[in-house]
Amino acid sequence: MKRHLIEDLRCRQKANQENEKTYNETLQGLERKVKALTEDCSSKKTSIDSLKQRLNVVTKEKSQYEQLYHKTKDELEKKHLKLTNLESKMIDTECAMTALETTASQQLHGLAKQSGQALETVQKRLLLANDKVEEFMKFVKALTRELQHSIQELRTKIKQEKRMGEVRTRKKGLSQECVQRAQSLAASILNVSKTDLEEILEVEDDEETAKTKMESEKDKEWLHYIQKLLEAQFPFASYLMDAILEKLNEKKKLVEEYSSLMKHA
């Protein structure tokens, strides 16, 4: 009986061991599943936390947008109210303008009838004034051209008289032989040739030519200035008077210089 009992116990122990092994394997499988589920739950928790944060951000943005929407809506309503008032005022203004245009048209029609003859008179006077202005322009242009031409003639006469005076002085003072001797002596003193000496003596003529050119340029500038004054806006009489007086004074000086040269001659 002991042997049977021991064998029975051994069989039961063996069966228990096999069951324990099965239970252990089942437990390990369950533990692995629990670990996987735990990791999955942790991942889902992290995802849920992220979603919660995003939900909070979206909720705040939604709140801001709702405030902005209500603010914009209020402003839009105010602007709509202002627009409605403006439209009403515009309608009233258009009605008033229409009435004013009608009244003005009637008044202008009456004035046109009354002032037709006066307008013709004004037009005739305007044409006459334009003709007078054109005649005045022609007169001023002719006067300035004649003044400038007479000044040029005086300058030419003065230059000619100065040259004649120099010739007369040379004829009185020295003979041609003396002049040649003086030129030879001057060339030897300056250590230059006769040709160089003649060029030196001709510098005065070059200066006179440059002076003549400069005077001609000034005359052109003066005529251009007169033309600009005539084309300018009113008033320009004082400037025109100053410009004419300037040329008259220049002519006066030239006349005095020419008279003095003629007296000496």
C-alpha atoms as a PDB file:
ATOM      1  CA  MET A   1       0.000   0.000   0.000  1.00  0.00           C
ATOM      2  CA  LYS A   2       2.912   2.287   0.713  1.00  0.00           C
ATOM      3  CA  ARG A   3       4.390   1.421  -2.647  1.00  0.00           C
ATOM      4  CA  HIS A   4       1.084   2.134  -4.364  1.00  0.00           C
ATOM      5  CA  LEU A   5       0.735   5.299  -2.346  1.00  0.00           C
ATOM      6  CA  ILE A   6       4.284   6.429  -3.265  1.00  0.00           C
ATOM      7  CA  GLU A   7       3.660   5.655  -6.916  1.00  0.00           C
ATOM      8  CA  ASP A   8       0.399   7.534  -6.758  1.00  0.00           C
ATOM      9  CA  LEU A   9       2.142  10.476  -5.170  1.00  0.00           C
ATOM     10  CA  ARG A  10       4.855  10.324  -7.823  1.00  0.00           C
ATOM     11  CA  CYS A  11       2.254  10.293 -10.535  1.00  0.00           C
ATOM     12  CA  ARG A  12       0.481  13.196  -8.981  1.00  0.00           C
ATOM     13  CA  GLN A  13       3.778  15.057  -8.498  1.00  0.00           C
ATOM     14  CA  LYS A  14       4.663  14.425 -12.120  1.00  0.00           C
ATOM     15  CA  ALA A  15       1.202  15.575 -13.194  1.00  0.00           C
ATOM     16  CA  ASN A  16       1.529  18.638 -10.966  1.00  0.00           C
ATOM     17  CA  GLN A  17       4.951  19.374 -12.378  1.00  0.00           C
ATOM     18  CA  GLU A  18       3.565  19.138 -15.892  1.00  0.00           C
ATOM     19  CA  ASN A  19       0.637  21.335 -14.904  1.00  0.00           C
ATOM     20  CA  GLU A  20       3.020  23.760 -13.225  1.00  0.00           C
ATOM     21  CA  LYS A  21       5.115  23.913 -16.406  1.00  0.00           C
ATOM     22  CA  THR A  22       1.984  24.542 -18.427  1.00  0.00           C
ATOM     23  CA  TYR A  23       0.871  27.166 -15.942  1.00  0.00           C
ATOM     24  CA  ASN A  24       4.312  28.802 -16.040  1.00  0.00           C
ATOM     25  CA  GLU A  25       4.255  28.940 -19.835  1.00  0.00           C
ATOM     26  CA  THR A  26       0.737  30.317 -19.711  1.00  0.00           C
ATOM     27  CA  LEU A  27       1.838  32.854 -17.081  1.00  0.00           C
ATOM     28  CA  GLN A  28       4.830  33.956 -19.174  1.00  0.00           C
ATOM     29  CA  GLY A  29       2.559  34.394 -22.172  1.00  0.00           C
ATOM     30  CA  LEU A  30       0.177  36.423 -20.084  1.00  0.00           C
ATOM     31  CA  GLU A  31       3.057  38.500 -18.695  1.00  0.00           C
ATOM     32  CA  ARG A  32       4.254  39.233 -22.239  1.00  0.00           C
ATOM     33  CA  LYS A  33       0.729  40.224 -23.214  1.00  0.00           C
ATOM     34  CA  VAL A  34       0.458  42.393 -20.099  1.00  0.00           C
ATOM     35  CA  LYS A  35       3.798  44.080 -20.929  1.00  0.00           C
ATOM     36  CA  ALA A  36       2.716  44.669 -24.541  1.00  0.00           C
ATOM     37  CA  LEU A  37      -0.627  46.011 -23.359  1.00  0.00           C
ATOM     38  CA  THR A  38       1.171  48.196 -20.805  1.00  0.00           C
ATOM     39  CA  GLU A  39       3.479  49.631 -23.481  1.00  0.00           C
ATOM     40  CA  ASP A  40       0.511  50.133 -25.806  1.00  0.00           C
ATOM     41  CA  CYS A  41      -1.406  51.856 -23.017  1.00  0.00           C
ATOM     42  CA  SER A  42       1.597  54.076 -22.266  1.00  0.00           C
ATOM     43  CA  SER A  43       1.915  55.003 -25.930  1.00  0.00           C
ATOM     44  CA  LYS A  44      -1.788  55.695 -26.143  1.00  0.00           C
ATOM     45  CA  LYS A  45      -1.581  57.745 -22.940  1.00  0.00           C
ATOM     46  CA  THR A  46       1.233  59.824 -24.439  1.00  0.00           C
ATOM     47  CA  SER A  47      -0.810  60.241 -27.617  1.00  0.00           C
ATOM     48  CA  ILE A  48      -3.854  61.178 -25.550  1.00  0.00           C
ATOM     49  CA  ASP A  49      -1.802  63.759 -23.601  1.00  0.00           C
ATOM     50  CA  SER A  50      -0.526  65.221 -26.887  1.00  0.00           C
ATOM     51  CA  LEU A  51      -4.066  65.309 -28.227  1.00  0.00           C
ATOM     52  CA  LYS A  52      -5.193  67.005 -25.029  1.00  0.00           C
ATOM     53  CA  GLN A  53      -2.494  69.674 -25.426  1.00  0.00           C
ATOM     54  CA  ARG A  54      -3.471  70.196 -29.045  1.00  0.00           C
ATOM     55  CA  LEU A  55      -7.092  70.319 -27.980  1.00  0.00           C
ATOM     56  CA  ASN A  56      -6.228  73.008 -25.408  1.00  0.00           C
ATOM     57  CA  VAL A  57      -4.331  75.026 -28.033  1.00  0.00           C
ATOM     58  CA  VAL A  58      -7.172  74.641 -30.530  1.00  0.00           C
ATOM     59  CA  THR A  59      -9.657  75.593 -27.808  1.00  0.00           C
ATOM     60  CA  LYS A  60      -7.679  78.759 -27.023  1.00  0.00           C
ATOM     61  CA  GLU A  61      -7.406  79.610 -30.724  1.00  0.00           C
ATOM     62  CA  LYS A  62     -11.091  78.947 -31.117  1.00  0.00           C
ATOM     63  CA  SER A  63     -11.800  81.300 -28.221  1.00  0.00           C
ATOM     64  CA  GLN A  64      -9.551  83.978 -29.754  1.00  0.00           C
ATOM     65  CA  TYR A  65     -11.186  83.532 -33.151  1.00  0.00           C
ATOM     66  CA  GLU A  66     -14.623  83.717 -31.569  1.00  0.00           C
ATOM     67  CA  GLN A  67     -13.655  86.981 -29.847  1.00  0.00           C
ATOM     68  CA  LEU A  68     -12.213  88.291 -33.094  1.00  0.00           C
ATOM     69  CA  TYR A  69     -15.355  87.166 -34.929  1.00  0.00           C
ATOM     70  CA  HIS A  70     -17.612  88.956 -32.462  1.00  0.00           C
ATOM     71  CA  LYS A  71     -15.421  92.072 -32.592  1.00  0.00           C
ATOM     72  CA  THR A  72     -15.380  92.030 -36.383  1.00  0.00           C
ATOM     73  CA  LYS A  73     -19.102  91.413 -36.432  1.00  0.00           C
ATOM     74  CA  ASP A  74     -19.684  94.417 -34.166  1.00  0.00           C
ATOM     75  CA  GLU A  75     -17.436  96.629 -36.303  1.00  0.00           C
ATOM     76  CA  LEU A  76     -19.143  95.387 -39.441  1.00  0.00           C
ATOM     77  CA  GLU A  77     -22.539  96.204 -37.970  1.00  0.00           C
ATOM     78  CA  LYS A  78     -21.312  99.691 -37.027  1.00  0.00           C
ATOM     79  CA  LYS A  79     -19.885 100.231 -40.507  1.00  0.00           C
ATOM     80  CA  HIS A  80     -23.068  98.896 -42.047  1.00  0.00           C
ATOM     81  CA  LEU A  81     -25.028 101.375 -39.942  1.00  0.00           C
ATOM     82  CA  LYS A  82     -22.686 104.193 -41.024  1.00  0.00           C
ATOM     83  CA  LEU A  83     -23.017 103.068 -44.639  1.00  0.00           C
ATOM     84  CA  THR A  84     -26.768 103.097 -44.341  1.00  0.00           C
ATOM     85  CA  ASN A  85     -26.641 106.617 -42.890  1.00  0.00           C
ATOM     86  CA  LEU A  86     -24.280 107.726 -45.638  1.00  0.00           C
ATOM     87  CA  GLU A  87     -26.509 106.240 -48.307  1.00  0.00           C
ATOM     88  CA  SER A  88     -29.443 108.098 -46.795  1.00  0.00           C
ATOM     89  CA  LYS A  89     -27.424 111.325 -46.719  1.00  0.00           C
ATOM     90  CA  MET A  90     -26.264 110.738 -50.307  1.00  0.00           C
ATOM     91  CA  ILE A  91     -29.850 110.313 -51.430  1.00  0.00           C
ATOM     92  CA  ASP A  92     -30.778 113.520 -49.647  1.00  0.00           C
ATOM     93  CA  THR A  93     -27.740 115.279 -51.153  1.00  0.00           C
ATOM     94  CA  GLU A  94     -28.562 114.036 -54.644  1.00  0.00           C
ATOM     95  CA  CYS A  95     -32.091 115.337 -54.266  1.00  0.00           C
ATOM     96  CA  ALA A  96     -30.743 118.691 -53.067  1.00  0.00           C
ATOM     97  CA  MET A  97     -28.194 118.751 -55.913  1.00  0.00           C
ATOM     98  CA  THR A  98     -30.897 117.990 -58.427  1.00  0.00           C
ATOM     99  CA  ALA A  99     -32.965 120.854 -57.062  1.00  0.00           C
ATOM    100  CA  LEU A 100     -29.909 123.155 -57.096  1.00  0.00           C
ATOM    101  CA  GLU A 101     -29.036 122.115 -60.652  1.00  0.00           C
ATOM    102  CA  THR A 102     -32.559 122.814 -61.762  1.00  0.00           C
ATOM    103  CA  THR A 103     -32.513 126.234 -60.072  1.00  0.00           C
ATOM    104  CA  ALA A 104     -29.024 127.004 -61.373  1.00  0.00           C
ATOM    105  CA  SER A 105     -29.961 125.915 -64.881  1.00  0.00           C
ATOM    106  CA  GLN A 106     -32.940 128.224 -64.832  1.00  0.00           C
ATOM    107  CA  GLN A 107     -30.859 131.096 -63.474  1.00  0.00           C
ATOM    108  CA  LEU A 108     -28.052 130.482 -65.957  1.00  0.00           C
ATOM    109  CA  HIS A 109     -30.529 130.357 -68.789  1.00  0.00           C
ATOM    110  CA  GLY A 110     -31.858 133.717 -67.702  1.00  0.00           C
ATOM    111  CA  LEU A 111     -28.351 135.119 -67.256  1.00  0.00           C
ATOM    112  CA  ALA A 112     -27.308 133.787 -70.652  1.00  0.00           C
ATOM    113  CA  LYS A 113     -30.113 135.663 -72.284  1.00  0.00           C
ATOM    114  CA  GLN A 114     -29.237 138.834 -70.394  1.00  0.00           C
ATOM    115  CA  SER A 115     -25.444 138.640 -70.846  1.00  0.00           C
ATOM    116  CA  GLY A 116     -25.274 137.508 -74.491  1.00  0.00           C
ATOM    117  CA  GLN A 117     -24.678 141.029 -75.738  1.00  0.00           C
ATOM    118  CA  ALA A 118     -22.251 141.775 -72.898  1.00  0.00           C
ATOM    119  CA  LEU A 119     -20.275 138.635 -73.764  1.00  0.00           C
ATOM    120  CA  GLU A 120     -19.971 139.708 -77.385  1.00  0.00           C
ATOM    121  CA  THR A 121     -18.674 143.089 -76.211  1.00  0.00           C
ATOM    122  CA  VAL A 122     -16.123 141.406 -73.942  1.00  0.00           C
ATOM    123  CA  GLN A 123     -14.990 139.146 -76.767  1.00  0.00           C
ATOM    124  CA  LYS A 124     -14.480 142.137 -79.037  1.00  0.00           C
ATOM    125  CA  ARG A 125     -12.500 143.918 -76.326  1.00  0.00           C
ATOM    126  CA  LEU A 126     -10.462 140.772 -75.747  1.00  0.00           C
ATOM    127  CA  LEU A 127      -9.635 140.487 -79.434  1.00  0.00           C
ATOM    128  CA  LEU A 128      -8.691 144.165 -79.492  1.00  0.00           C
ATOM    129  CA  ALA A 129      -6.518 143.666 -76.395  1.00  0.00           C
ATOM    130  CA  ASN A 130      -4.824 140.666 -78.019  1.00  0.00           C
ATOM    131  CA  ASP A 131      -4.128 142.737 -81.130  1.00  0.00           C
ATOM    132  CA  LYS A 132      -2.649 145.480 -78.954  1.00  0.00           C
ATOM    133  CA  VAL A 133      -0.502 142.955 -77.121  1.00  0.00           C
ATOM    134  CA  GLU A 134       0.789 141.571 -80.411  1.00  0.00           C
ATOM    135  CA  GLU A 135       1.574 145.079 -81.627  1.00  0.00           C
ATOM    136  CA  PHE A 136       3.360 145.785 -78.337  1.00  0.00           C
ATOM    137  CA  MET A 137       5.402 142.595 -78.739  1.00  0.00           C
ATOM    138  CA  LYS A 138       6.361 143.595 -82.279  1.00  0.00           C
ATOM    139  CA  PHE A 139       7.311 147.067 -81.077  1.00  0.00           C
ATOM    140  CA  VAL A 140       9.486 145.746 -78.237  1.00  0.00           C
ATOM    141  CA  LYS A 141      11.205 143.209 -80.502  1.00  0.00           C
ATOM    142  CA  ALA A 142      11.852 145.834 -83.176  1.00  0.00           C
ATOM    143  CA  LEU A 143      13.092 148.310 -80.551  1.00  0.00           C
ATOM    144  CA  THR A 144      15.483 145.773 -78.994  1.00  0.00           C
ATOM    145  CA  ARG A 145      16.822 144.687 -82.396  1.00  0.00           C
ATOM    146  CA  GLU A 146      17.359 148.286 -83.469  1.00  0.00           C
ATOM    147  CA  LEU A 147      19.010 149.145 -80.134  1.00  0.00           C
ATOM    148  CA  GLN A 148      21.297 146.156 -80.326  1.00  0.00           C
ATOM    149  CA  HIS A 149      22.139 146.919 -83.980  1.00  0.00           C
ATOM    150  CA  SER A 150      22.974 150.550 -83.202  1.00  0.00           C
ATOM    151  CA  ILE A 151      25.206 149.463 -80.299  1.00  0.00           C
ATOM    152  CA  GLN A 152      27.044 147.060 -82.591  1.00  0.00           C
ATOM    153  CA  GLU A 153      27.559 149.864 -85.123  1.00  0.00           C
ATOM    154  CA  LEU A 154      28.924 152.137 -82.389  1.00  0.00           C
ATOM    155  CA  ARG A 155      31.313 149.412 -81.235  1.00  0.00           C
ATOM    156  CA  THR A 156      32.515 148.928 -84.803  1.00  0.00           C
ATOM    157  CA  LYS A 157      33.013 152.673 -85.287  1.00  0.00           C
ATOM    158  CA  ILE A 158      34.908 152.954 -81.989  1.00  0.00           C
ATOM    159  CA  LYS A 159      37.212 150.091 -82.968  1.00  0.00           C
ATOM    160  CA  GLN A 160      37.820 151.614 -86.381  1.00  0.00           C
ATOM    161  CA  GLU A 161      38.498 155.030 -84.872  1.00  0.00           C
ATOM    162  CA  LYS A 162      40.920 153.514 -82.332  1.00  0.00           C
ATOM    163  CA  ARG A 163      42.791 151.758 -85.125  1.00  0.00           C
ATOM    164  CA  MET A 164      42.891 154.961 -87.189  1.00  0.00           C
ATOM    165  CA  GLY A 165      44.179 156.836 -84.133  1.00  0.00           C
ATOM    166  CA  GLU A 166      46.949 154.277 -83.677  1.00  0.00           C
ATOM    167  CA  VAL A 167      47.865 154.596 -87.351  1.00  0.00           C
ATOM    168  CA  ARG A 168      47.932 158.395 -87.124  1.00  0.00           C
ATOM    169  CA  THR A 169      50.061 158.220 -83.949  1.00  0.00           C
ATOM    170  CA  ARG A 170      52.550 155.941 -85.661  1.00  0.00           C
ATOM    171  CA  LYS A 171      52.724 158.181 -88.720  1.00  0.00           C
ATOM    172  CA  LYS A 172      53.330 161.228 -86.580  1.00  0.00           C
ATOM    173  CA  GLY A 173      55.868 159.735 -84.229  1.00  0.00           C
ATOM    174  CA  LEU A 174      58.014 157.326 -86.247  1.00  0.00           C
ATOM    175  CA  SER A 175      58.882 156.553 -89.840  1.00  0.00           C
ATOM    176  CA  GLN A 176      58.638 153.038 -91.255  1.00  0.00           C
ATOM    177  CA  GLU A 177      62.407 152.666 -91.014  1.00  0.00           C
ATOM    178  CA  CYS A 178      62.390 153.657 -87.351  1.00  0.00           C
ATOM    179  CA  VAL A 179      59.577 151.192 -86.712  1.00  0.00           C
ATOM    180  CA  GLN A 180      61.545 148.367 -88.320  1.00  0.00           C
ATOM    181  CA  ARG A 181      64.665 149.304 -86.321  1.00  0.00           C
ATOM    182  CA  ALA A 182      62.624 149.349 -83.109  1.00  0.00           C
ATOM    183  CA  GLN A 183      61.161 145.934 -83.934  1.00  0.00           C
ATOM    184  CA  SER A 184      64.634 144.514 -84.670  1.00  0.00           C
ATOM    185  CA  LEU A 185      65.973 145.969 -81.421  1.00  0.00           C
ATOM    186  CA  ALA A 186      63.027 144.548 -79.450  1.00  0.00           C
ATOM    187  CA  ALA A 187      63.515 141.127 -81.096  1.00  0.00           C
ATOM    188  CA  SER A 188      67.205 141.107 -80.192  1.00  0.00           C
ATOM    189  CA  ILE A 189      66.511 142.194 -76.619  1.00  0.00           C
ATOM    190  CA  LEU A 190      63.785 139.561 -76.161  1.00  0.00           C
ATOM    191  CA  ASN A 191      65.909 137.018 -78.055  1.00  0.00           C
ATOM    192  CA  VAL A 192      63.039 136.075 -80.371  1.00  0.00           C
ATOM    193  CA  SER A 193      62.564 136.105 -84.129  1.00  0.00           C
ATOM    194  CA  LYS A 194      60.675 138.824 -86.011  1.00  0.00           C
ATOM    195  CA  THR A 195      57.833 136.365 -86.611  1.00  0.00           C
ATOM    196  CA  ASP A 196      57.510 135.686 -82.862  1.00  0.00           C
ATOM    197  CA  LEU A 197      57.609 139.402 -82.183  1.00  0.00           C
ATOM    198  CA  GLU A 198      54.805 139.985 -84.687  1.00  0.00           C
ATOM    199  CA  GLU A 199      52.753 137.258 -82.999  1.00  0.00           C
ATOM    200  CA  ILE A 200      53.343 138.957 -79.643  1.00  0.00           C
ATOM    201  CA  LEU A 201      52.222 142.265 -81.109  1.00  0.00           C
ATOM    202  CA  GLU A 202      49.137 140.589 -82.592  1.00  0.00           C
ATOM    203  CA  VAL A 203      47.981 139.384 -79.145  1.00  0.00           C
ATOM    204  CA  GLU A 204      46.147 142.663 -78.750  1.00  0.00           C
ATOM    205  CA  ASP A 205      44.149 141.884 -81.923  1.00  0.00           C
ATOM    206  CA  ASP A 206      43.330 138.441 -80.540  1.00  0.00           C
ATOM    207  CA  GLU A 207      42.155 140.013 -77.302  1.00  0.00           C
ATOM    208  CA  GLU A 208      40.060 142.440 -79.301  1.00  0.00           C
ATOM    209  CA  THR A 209      38.523 139.527 -81.242  1.00  0.00           C
ATOM    210  CA  ALA A 210      37.764 137.672 -78.013  1.00  0.00           C
ATOM    211  CA  LYS A 211      36.238 140.834 -76.561  1.00  0.00           C
ATOM    212  CA  THR A 212      34.081 141.247 -79.690  1.00  0.00           C
ATOM    213  CA  LYS A 213      32.934 137.636 -79.435  1.00  0.00           C
ATOM    214  CA  MET A 214      32.099 138.049 -75.737  1.00  0.00           C
ATOM    215  CA  GLU A 215      30.118 141.232 -76.477  1.00  0.00           C
ATOM    216  CA  SER A 216      28.210 139.390 -79.229  1.00  0.00           C
ATOM    217  CA  GLU A 217      27.374 136.565 -76.809  1.00  0.00           C
ATOM    218  CA  LYS A 218      26.155 139.086 -74.234  1.00  0.00           C
ATOM    219  CA  ASP A 219      23.948 140.718 -76.894  1.00  0.00           C
ATOM    220  CA  LYS A 220      22.443 137.329 -77.750  1.00  0.00           C
ATOM    221  CA  GLU A 221      21.820 136.616 -74.078  1.00  0.00           C
ATOM    222  CA  TRP A 222      20.194 140.015 -73.685  1.00  0.00           C
ATOM    223  CA  LEU A 223      17.866 139.423 -76.671  1.00  0.00           C
ATOM    224  CA  HIS A 224      17.023 135.962 -75.298  1.00  0.00           C
ATOM    225  CA  TYR A 225      16.268 137.507 -71.898  1.00  0.00           C
ATOM    226  CA  ILE A 226      13.934 140.054 -73.533  1.00  0.00           C
ATOM    227  CA  GLN A 227      12.167 137.206 -75.363  1.00  0.00           C
ATOM    228  CA  LYS A 228      11.728 135.275 -72.100  1.00  0.00           C
ATOM    229  CA  LEU A 229      10.283 138.372 -70.415  1.00  0.00           C
ATOM    230  CA  LEU A 230       7.748 138.813 -73.223  1.00  0.00           C
ATOM    231  CA  GLU A 231       6.730 135.155 -72.941  1.00  0.00           C
ATOM    232  CA  ALA A 232       6.596 135.209 -69.123  1.00  0.00           C
ATOM    233  CA  GLN A 233       3.553 135.732 -66.938  1.00  0.00           C
ATOM    234  CA  PHE A 234       2.509 139.200 -65.833  1.00  0.00           C
ATOM    235  CA  PRO A 235       3.841 141.467 -64.406  1.00  0.00           C
ATOM    236  CA  PHE A 236       7.122 141.911 -66.271  1.00  0.00           C
ATOM    237  CA  ALA A 237       7.168 145.656 -67.083  1.00  0.00           C
ATOM    238  CA  SER A 238       9.741 146.557 -64.400  1.00  0.00           C
ATOM    239  CA  TYR A 239      12.148 143.834 -65.546  1.00  0.00           C
ATOM    240  CA  LEU A 240      11.675 144.845 -69.181  1.00  0.00           C
ATOM    241  CA  MET A 241      12.318 148.491 -68.297  1.00  0.00           C
ATOM    242  CA  ASP A 242      15.507 147.584 -66.424  1.00  0.00           C
ATOM    243  CA  ALA A 243      16.784 145.543 -69.360  1.00  0.00           C
ATOM    244  CA  ILE A 244      16.066 148.354 -71.885  1.00  0.00           C
ATOM    245  CA  LEU A 245      17.647 150.988 -69.610  1.00  0.00           C
ATOM    246  CA  GLU A 246      20.722 148.809 -69.254  1.00  0.00           C
ATOM    247  CA  LYS A 247      21.211 148.797 -73.038  1.00  0.00           C
ATOM    248  CA  LEU A 248      20.424 152.514 -73.308  1.00  0.00           C
ATOM    249  CA  ASN A 249      23.073 153.292 -70.686  1.00  0.00           C
ATOM    250  CA  GLU A 250      25.539 151.116 -72.576  1.00  0.00           C
ATOM    251  CA  LYS A 251      24.728 152.981 -75.786  1.00  0.00           C
ATOM    252  CA  LYS A 252      25.105 156.308 -73.982  1.00  0.00           C
ATOM    253  CA  LYS A 253      28.594 155.329 -72.800  1.00  0.00           C
ATOM    254  CA  LEU A 254      29.544 154.178 -76.283  1.00  0.00           C
ATOM    255  CA  VAL A 255      28.302 157.466 -77.776  1.00  0.00           C
ATOM    256  CA  GLU A 256      30.332 159.434 -75.247  1.00  0.00           C
ATOM    257  CA  GLU A 257      33.421 157.324 -75.983  1.00  0.00           C
ATOM    258  CA  TYR A 258      32.960 157.740 -79.739  1.00  0.00           C
ATOM    259  CA  SER A 259      32.455 161.519 -79.367  1.00  0.00           C
ATOM    260  CA  SER A 260      35.644 161.756 -77.285  1.00  0.00           C
ATOM    261  CA  LEU A 261      37.592 159.826 -79.929  1.00  0.00           C
ATOM    262  CA  MET A 262      36.229 162.032 -82.695  1.00  0.00           C
ATOM    263  CA  LYS A 263      37.247 165.185 -80.769  1.00  0.00           C
ATOM    264  CA  HIS A 264      40.800 163.911 -80.379  1.00  0.00           C
ATOM    265  CA  ALA A 265      40.877 162.991 -84.061  1.00  0.00           C
END
